[in-house]
PDB file of N, CA and C in Angstrom:
ATOM      1  N   MET A   1     115.348  65.507  98.793  1.00  0.00           N
ATOM      2  CA  MET A   1     115.208  64.389  97.893  1.00  0.00           C
ATOM      3  C   MET A   1     113.830  64.471  97.237  1.00  0.00           C
ATOM      4  N   ALA A   2     113.742  64.245  95.944  1.00  0.00           N
ATOM      5  CA  ALA A   2     112.483  64.347  95.219  1.00  0.00           C
ATOM      6  C   ALA A   2     111.581  63.169  95.533  1.00  0.00           C
ATOM      7  N   LYS A   3     110.301  63.471  95.672  1.00  0.00           N
ATOM      8  CA  LYS A   3     109.323  62.410  95.881  1.00  0.00           C
ATOM      9  C   LYS A   3     109.053  61.737  94.548  1.00  0.00           C
ATOM     10  N   THR A   4     108.875  60.432  94.551  1.00  0.00           N
ATOM     11  CA  THR A   4     108.565  59.729  93.312  1.00  0.00           C
ATOM     12  C   THR A   4     107.113  59.982  92.936  1.00  0.00           C
ATOM     13  N   GLY A   5     106.847  60.100  91.665  1.00  0.00           N
ATOM     14  CA  GLY A   5     105.485  60.324  91.188  1.00  0.00           C
ATOM     15  C   GLY A   5     105.045  61.768  91.279  1.00  0.00           C
ATOM     16  N   ASN A   6     105.940  62.684  91.640  1.00  0.00           N
ATOM     17  CA  ASN A   6     105.609  64.097  91.759  1.00  0.00           C
ATOM     18  C   ASN A   6     106.769  64.914  91.191  1.00  0.00           C
ATOM     19  N   PRO A   7     106.946  64.901  89.844  1.00  0.00           N
ATOM     20  CA  PRO A   7     108.131  65.477  89.229  1.00  0.00           C
ATOM     21  C   PRO A   7     108.269  66.990  89.376  1.00  0.00           C
ATOM     22  N   GLY A   8     107.196  67.726  89.620  1.00  0.00           N
ATOM     23  CA  GLY A   8     107.269  69.187  89.714  1.00  0.00           C
ATOM     24  C   GLY A   8     107.649  69.693  91.086  1.00  0.00           C
ATOM     25  N   LYS A   9     107.728  68.816  92.070  1.00  0.00           N
ATOM     26  CA  LYS A   9     107.980  69.271  93.433  1.00  0.00           C
ATOM     27  C   LYS A   9     109.114  68.492  94.070  1.00  0.00           C
ATOM     28  N   ILE A  10     109.836  69.163  94.926  1.00  0.00           N
ATOM     29  CA  ILE A  10     110.840  68.527  95.769  1.00  0.00           C
ATOM     30  C   ILE A  10     110.346  68.747  97.181  1.00  0.00           C
ATOM     31  N   GLY A  11     109.821  67.722  97.797  1.00  0.00           N
ATOM     32  CA  GLY A  11     109.179  67.909  99.099  1.00  0.00           C
ATOM     33  C   GLY A  11     107.987  68.836  98.911  1.00  0.00           C
ATOM     34  N   ASP A  12     107.922  69.895  99.724  1.00  0.00           N
ATOM     35  CA  ASP A  12     106.864  70.889  99.572  1.00  0.00           C
ATOM     36  C   ASP A  12     107.326  72.085  98.739  1.00  0.00           C
ATOM     37  N   PHE A  13     108.569  72.034  98.270  1.00  0.00           N
ATOM     38  CA  PHE A  13     109.135  73.132  97.500  1.00  0.00           C
ATOM     39  C   PHE A  13     108.783  72.984  96.029  1.00  0.00           C
ATOM     40  N   VAL A  14     108.256  74.040  95.429  1.00  0.00           N
ATOM     41  CA  VAL A  14     107.917  74.022  94.004  1.00  0.00           C
ATOM     42  C   VAL A  14     109.181  74.342  93.220  1.00  0.00           C
ATOM     43  N   SER A  15     109.587  73.431  92.356  1.00  0.00           N
ATOM     44  CA  SER A  15     110.818  73.643  91.584  1.00  0.00           C
ATOM     45  C   SER A  15     110.540  74.220  90.203  1.00  0.00           C
ATOM     46  N   ASP A  16     109.290  74.387  89.836  1.00  0.00           N
ATOM     47  CA  ASP A  16     108.920  74.924  88.531  1.00  0.00           C
ATOM     48  C   ASP A  16     108.962  76.454  88.592  1.00  0.00           C
ATOM     49  N   VAL A  17     109.903  77.061  87.879  1.00  0.00           N
ATOM     50  CA  VAL A  17     110.097  78.506  87.925  1.00  0.00           C
ATOM     51  C   VAL A  17     108.859  79.241  87.420  1.00  0.00           C
ATOM     52  N   ALA A  18     108.218  78.715  86.397  1.00  0.00           N
ATOM     53  CA  ALA A  18     107.008  79.358  85.866  1.00  0.00           C
ATOM     54  C   ALA A  18     105.918  79.389  86.933  1.00  0.00           C
ATOM     55  N   GLU A  19     105.781  78.310  87.696  1.00  0.00           N
ATOM     56  CA  GLU A  19     104.775  78.259  88.762  1.00  0.00           C
ATOM     57  C   GLU A  19     105.122  79.231  89.887  1.00  0.00           C
ATOM     58  N   ILE A  20     106.396  79.347  90.220  1.00  0.00           N
ATOM     59  CA  ILE A  20     106.824  80.302  91.244  1.00  0.00           C
ATOM     60  C   ILE A  20     106.493  81.724  90.808  1.00  0.00           C
ATOM     61  N   ARG A  21     106.759  82.035  89.559  1.00  0.00           N
ATOM     62  CA  ARG A  21     106.450  83.375  89.038  1.00  0.00           C
ATOM     63  C   ARG A  21     104.956  83.634  89.013  1.00  0.00           C
ATOM     64  N   ARG A  22     104.172  82.615  88.604  1.00  0.00           N
ATOM     65  CA  ARG A  22     102.712  82.771  88.575  1.00  0.00           C
ATOM     66  C   ARG A  22     102.175  83.073  89.971  1.00  0.00           C
ATOM     67  N   ARG A  23     102.663  82.333  90.959  1.00  0.00           N
ATOM     68  CA  ARG A  23     102.226  82.557  92.344  1.00  0.00           C
ATOM     69  C   ARG A  23     102.644  83.934  92.848  1.00  0.00           C
ATOM     70  N   ALA A  24     103.857  84.348  92.500  1.00  0.00           N
ATOM     71  CA  ALA A  24     104.336  85.667  92.926  1.00  0.00           C
ATOM     72  C   ALA A  24     103.460  86.766  92.344  1.00  0.00           C
ATOM     73  N   ARG A  25     103.124  86.648  91.055  1.00  0.00           N
ATOM     74  CA  ARG A  25     102.250  87.645  90.423  1.00  0.00           C
ATOM     75  C   ARG A  25     100.881  87.677  91.089  1.00  0.00           C
ATOM     76  N   GLN A  26     100.359  86.503  91.419  1.00  0.00           N
ATOM     77  CA  GLN A  26      99.051  86.431  92.069  1.00  0.00           C
ATOM     78  C   GLN A  26      99.093  87.106  93.439  1.00  0.00           C
ATOM     79  N   HIS A  27     100.157  86.874  94.197  1.00  0.00           N
ATOM     80  CA  HIS A  27     100.282  87.502  95.516  1.00  0.00           C
ATOM     81  C   HIS A  27     100.384  89.018  95.392  1.00  0.00           C
ATOM     82  N   ILE A  28     101.095  89.498  94.377  1.00  0.00           N
ATOM     83  CA  ILE A  28     101.210  90.937  94.161  1.00  0.00           C
ATOM     84  C   ILE A  28      99.846  91.524  93.808  1.00  0.00           C
ATOM     85  N   GLU A  29      99.101  90.845  92.948  1.00  0.00           N
ATOM     86  CA  GLU A  29      97.770  91.323  92.565  1.00  0.00           C
ATOM     87  C   GLU A  29      96.812  91.315  93.753  1.00  0.00           C
ATOM     88  N   ASP A  30      96.959  90.318  94.642  1.00  0.00           N
ATOM     89  CA  ASP A  30      96.093  90.238  95.824  1.00  0.00           C
ATOM     90  C   ASP A  30      96.366  91.369  96.798  1.00  0.00           C
ATOM     91  N   GLY A  31      97.589  91.887  96.811  1.00  0.00           N
ATOM     92  CA  GLY A  31      97.950  92.990  97.698  1.00  0.00           C
ATOM     93  C   GLY A  31      98.429  92.493  99.050  1.00  0.00           C
ATOM     94  N   ALA A  32      98.810  93.453  99.879  1.00  0.00           N
ATOM     95  CA  ALA A  32      99.396  93.131 101.177  1.00  0.00           C
ATOM     96  C   ALA A  32      98.347  92.878 102.256  1.00  0.00           C
ATOM     97  N   VAL A  33      97.109  93.209 101.987  1.00  0.00           N
ATOM     98  CA  VAL A  33      96.065  93.072 102.993  1.00  0.00           C
ATOM     99  C   VAL A  33      95.475  91.667 102.933  1.00  0.00           C
ATOM    100  N   THR A  34      95.362  91.040 104.074  1.00  0.00           N
ATOM    101  CA  THR A  34      94.829  89.681 104.121  1.00  0.00           C
ATOM    102  C   THR A  34      93.318  89.668 103.921  1.00  0.00           C
ATOM    103  N   GLU A  35      92.784  88.493 103.620  1.00  0.00           N
ATOM    104  CA  GLU A  35      91.348  88.353 103.362  1.00  0.00           C
ATOM    105  C   GLU A  35      90.506  88.701 104.582  1.00  0.00           C
ATOM    106  N   GLY A  36      91.014  88.458 105.776  1.00  0.00           N
ATOM    107  CA  GLY A  36      90.247  88.693 106.996  1.00  0.00           C
ATOM    108  C   GLY A  36      90.237  90.134 107.465  1.00  0.00           C
ATOM    109  N   TYR A  37      90.924  91.031 106.773  1.00  0.00           N
ATOM    110  CA  TYR A  37      90.999  92.435 107.185  1.00  0.00           C
ATOM    111  C   TYR A  37      89.649  93.093 106.958  1.00  0.00           C
ATOM    112  N   ARG A  38      89.069  93.654 108.003  1.00  0.00           N
ATOM    113  CA  ARG A  38      87.696  94.173 107.920  1.00  0.00           C
ATOM    114  C   ARG A  38      87.582  95.697 107.871  1.00  0.00           C
ATOM    115  N   ALA A  39      88.657  96.418 108.142  1.00  0.00           N
ATOM    116  CA  ALA A  39      88.571  97.885 108.155  1.00  0.00           C
ATOM    117  C   ALA A  39      88.381  98.423 106.741  1.00  0.00           C
ATOM    118  N   ASP A  40      87.811  99.609 106.655  1.00  0.00           N
ATOM    119  CA  ASP A  40      87.633 100.271 105.365  1.00  0.00           C
ATOM    120  C   ASP A  40      89.009 100.743 104.883  1.00  0.00           C
ATOM    121  N   ARG A  41      89.507 100.124 103.843  1.00  0.00           N
ATOM    122  CA  ARG A  41      90.878 100.379 103.391  1.00  0.00           C
ATOM    123  C   ARG A  41      91.093 101.826 102.973  1.00  0.00           C
ATOM    124  N   GLU A  42      90.116 102.415 102.291  1.00  0.00           N
ATOM    125  CA  GLU A  42      90.266 103.800 101.840  1.00  0.00           C
ATOM    126  C   GLU A  42      90.395 104.747 103.023  1.00  0.00           C
ATOM    127  N   THR A  43      89.608 104.516 104.069  1.00  0.00           N
ATOM    128  CA  THR A  43      89.682 105.354 105.263  1.00  0.00           C
ATOM    129  C   THR A  43      91.023 105.183 105.959  1.00  0.00           C
ATOM    130  N   VAL A  44      91.483 103.956 106.072  1.00  0.00           N
ATOM    131  CA  VAL A  44      92.767 103.689 106.724  1.00  0.00           C
ATOM    132  C   VAL A  44      93.895 104.374 105.964  1.00  0.00           C
ATOM    133  N   VAL A  45      93.907 104.260 104.646  1.00  0.00           N
ATOM    134  CA  VAL A  45      94.949 104.889 103.835  1.00  0.00           C
ATOM    135  C   VAL A  45      94.879 106.406 103.973  1.00  0.00           C
ATOM    136  N   ARG A  46      93.674 106.973 103.975  1.00  0.00           N
ATOM    137  CA  ARG A  46      93.515 108.431 104.110  1.00  0.00           C
ATOM    138  C   ARG A  46      94.064 108.912 105.447  1.00  0.00           C
ATOM    139  N   VAL A  47      93.706 108.215 106.536  1.00  0.00           N
ATOM    140  CA  VAL A  47      94.165 108.615 107.872  1.00  0.00           C
ATOM    141  C   VAL A  47      95.688 108.488 107.980  1.00  0.00           C
ATOM    142  N   LEU A  48      96.241 107.398 107.468  1.00  0.00           N
ATOM    143  CA  LEU A  48      97.694 107.222 107.517  1.00  0.00           C
ATOM    144  C   LEU A  48      98.410 108.292 106.694  1.00  0.00           C
ATOM    145  N   ASN A  49      97.866 108.630 105.530  1.00  0.00           N
ATOM    146  CA  ASN A  49      98.468 109.681 104.704  1.00  0.00           C
ATOM    147  C   ASN A  49      98.416 111.035 105.398  1.00  0.00           C
ATOM    148  N   GLU A  50      97.290 111.328 106.076  1.00  0.00           N
ATOM    149  CA  GLU A  50      97.175 112.592 106.800  1.00  0.00           C
ATOM    150  C   GLU A  50      98.176 112.647 107.955  1.00  0.00           C
ATOM    151  N   ALA A  51      98.319 111.542 108.670  1.00  0.00           N
ATOM    152  CA  ALA A  51      99.273 111.498 109.783  1.00  0.00           C
ATOM    153  C   ALA A  51     100.700 111.683 109.276  1.00  0.00           C
ATOM    154  N   LEU A  52     101.022 111.031 108.167  1.00  0.00           N
ATOM    155  CA  LEU A  52     102.361 111.155 107.596  1.00  0.00           C
ATOM    156  C   LEU A  52     102.611 112.583 107.129  1.00  0.00           C
ATOM    157  N   ALA A  53     101.616 113.184 106.472  1.00  0.00           N
ATOM    158  CA  ALA A  53     101.760 114.554 105.989  1.00  0.00           C
ATOM    159  C   ALA A  53     101.940 115.524 107.158  1.00  0.00           C
ATOM    160  N   THR A  54     101.193 115.316 108.231  1.00  0.00           N
ATOM    161  CA  THR A  54     101.305 116.176 109.410  1.00  0.00           C
ATOM    162  C   THR A  54     102.695 116.067 110.016  1.00  0.00           C
ATOM    163  N   ASP A  55     103.177 114.849 110.155  1.00  0.00           N
ATOM    164  CA  ASP A  55     104.505 114.631 110.730  1.00  0.00           C
ATOM    165  C   ASP A  55     105.580 115.232 109.834  1.00  0.00           C
ATOM    166  N   TRP A  56     105.433 115.051 108.546  1.00  0.00           N
ATOM    167  CA  TRP A  56     106.410 115.572 107.588  1.00  0.00           C
ATOM    168  C   TRP A  56     106.449 117.100 107.633  1.00  0.00           C
ATOM    169  N   CYS A  57     105.265 117.718 107.673  1.00  0.00           N
ATOM    170  CA  CYS A  57     105.206 119.184 107.740  1.00  0.00           C
ATOM    171  C   CYS A  57     105.810 119.687 109.044  1.00  0.00           C
ATOM    172  N   ALA A  58     105.564 118.977 110.128  1.00  0.00           N
ATOM    173  CA  ALA A  58     106.134 119.380 111.413  1.00  0.00           C
ATOM    174  C   ALA A  58     107.653 119.319 111.367  1.00  0.00           C
ATOM    175  N   CYS A  59     108.190 118.272 110.779  1.00  0.00           N
ATOM    176  CA  CYS A  59     109.651 118.141 110.669  1.00  0.00           C
ATOM    177  C   CYS A  59     110.226 119.218 109.771  1.00  0.00           C
ATOM    178  N   CYS A  60     109.599 119.434 108.645  1.00  0.00           N
ATOM    179  CA  CYS A  60     110.093 120.452 107.708  1.00  0.00           C
ATOM    180  C   CYS A  60     109.959 121.839 108.313  1.00  0.00           C
ATOM    181  N   GLY A  61     108.844 122.082 108.987  1.00  0.00           N
ATOM    182  CA  GLY A  61     108.622 123.374 109.633  1.00  0.00           C
ATOM    183  C   GLY A  61     109.657 123.639 110.702  1.00  0.00           C
ATOM    184  N   THR A  62     110.001 122.629 111.480  1.00  0.00           N
ATOM    185  CA  THR A  62     111.020 122.776 112.521  1.00  0.00           C
ATOM    186  C   THR A  62     112.362 123.129 111.897  1.00  0.00           C
ATOM    187  N   ASN A  63     112.696 122.479 110.797  1.00  0.00           N
ATOM    188  CA  ASN A  63     113.961 122.772 110.112  1.00  0.00           C
ATOM    189  C   ASN A  63     113.984 124.192 109.561  1.00  0.00           C
ATOM    190  N   VAL A  64     112.860 124.656 109.038  1.00  0.00           N
ATOM    191  CA  VAL A  64     112.795 126.009 108.490  1.00  0.00           C
ATOM    192  C   VAL A  64     112.951 127.025 109.613  1.00  0.00           C
ATOM    193  N   ILE A  65     112.258 126.805 110.731  1.00  0.00           N
ATOM    194  CA  ILE A  65     112.344 127.731 111.866  1.00  0.00           C
ATOM    195  C   ILE A  65     113.764 127.760 112.420  1.00  0.00           C
ATOM    196  N   THR A  66     114.388 126.591 112.554  1.00  0.00           N
ATOM    197  CA  THR A  66     115.758 126.518 113.061  1.00  0.00           C
ATOM    198  C   THR A  66     116.708 127.270 112.135  1.00  0.00           C
ATOM    199  N   THR A  67     116.570 127.065 110.834  1.00  0.00           N
ATOM    200  CA  THR A  67     117.421 127.748 109.858  1.00  0.00           C
ATOM    201  C   THR A  67     117.198 129.252 109.919  1.00  0.00           C
ATOM    202  N   TRP A  68     115.945 129.681 110.040  1.00  0.00           N
ATOM    203  CA  TRP A  68     115.630 131.105 110.112  1.00  0.00           C
ATOM    204  C   TRP A  68     116.237 131.708 111.376  1.00  0.00           C
ATOM    205  N   ARG A  69     116.112 131.015 112.511  1.00  0.00           N
ATOM    206  CA  ARG A  69     116.686 131.520 113.767  1.00  0.00           C
ATOM    207  C   ARG A  69     118.200 131.652 113.664  1.00  0.00           C
ATOM    208  N   GLN A  70     118.835 130.646 113.069  1.00  0.00           N
ATOM    209  CA  GLN A  70     120.290 130.693 112.930  1.00  0.00           C
ATOM    210  C   GLN A  70     120.700 131.875 112.049  1.00  0.00           C
ATOM    211  N   ALA A  71     119.994 132.072 110.963  1.00  0.00           N
ATOM    212  CA  ALA A  71     120.316 133.169 110.060  1.00  0.00           C
ATOM    213  C   ALA A  71     120.062 134.517 110.741  1.00  0.00           C
ATOM    214  N   PHE A  72     118.989 134.621 111.506  1.00  0.00           N
ATOM    215  CA  PHE A  72     118.630 135.864 112.172  1.00  0.00           C
ATOM    216  C   PHE A  72     119.636 136.198 113.256  1.00  0.00           C
ATOM    217  N   THR A  73     120.033 135.211 114.053  1.00  0.00           N
ATOM    218  CA  THR A  73     120.980 135.461 115.146  1.00  0.00           C
ATOM    219  C   THR A  73     122.357 135.850 114.617  1.00  0.00           C
ATOM    220  N   ARG A  74     122.750 135.347 113.500  1.00  0.00           N
ATOM    221  CA  ARG A  74     124.056 135.694 112.916  1.00  0.00           C
ATOM    222  C   ARG A  74     124.085 137.151 112.473  1.00  0.00           C
ATOM    223  N   ARG A  75     122.951 137.688 112.100  1.00  0.00           N
ATOM    224  CA  ARG A  75     122.892 139.076 111.621  1.00  0.00           C
ATOM    225  C   ARG A  75     122.949 140.058 112.780  1.00  0.00           C
ATOM    226  N   LEU A  76     122.591 139.619 113.964  1.00  0.00           N
ATOM    227  CA  LEU A  76     122.602 140.552 115.107  1.00  0.00           C
ATOM    228  C   LEU A  76     123.961 140.811 115.565  1.00  0.00           C
TER     229      LEU A  76
END
């Protein structure tokens, strides 16, 4: 039920689509990291990217070795 004297809101819900979009854009611009996050973001991203790359190479390397072994054993 809408509160009287507050036409833009229904309870705590914002019913103005333009305001919802403005807030969404602001949250996107602010990013996923909260204000209280103290770690060096560039270092964290670099370490995570290196870990992901290492894991990815290990998976791809395992697949290549497995494929090579299968191909080699079939020729014998």
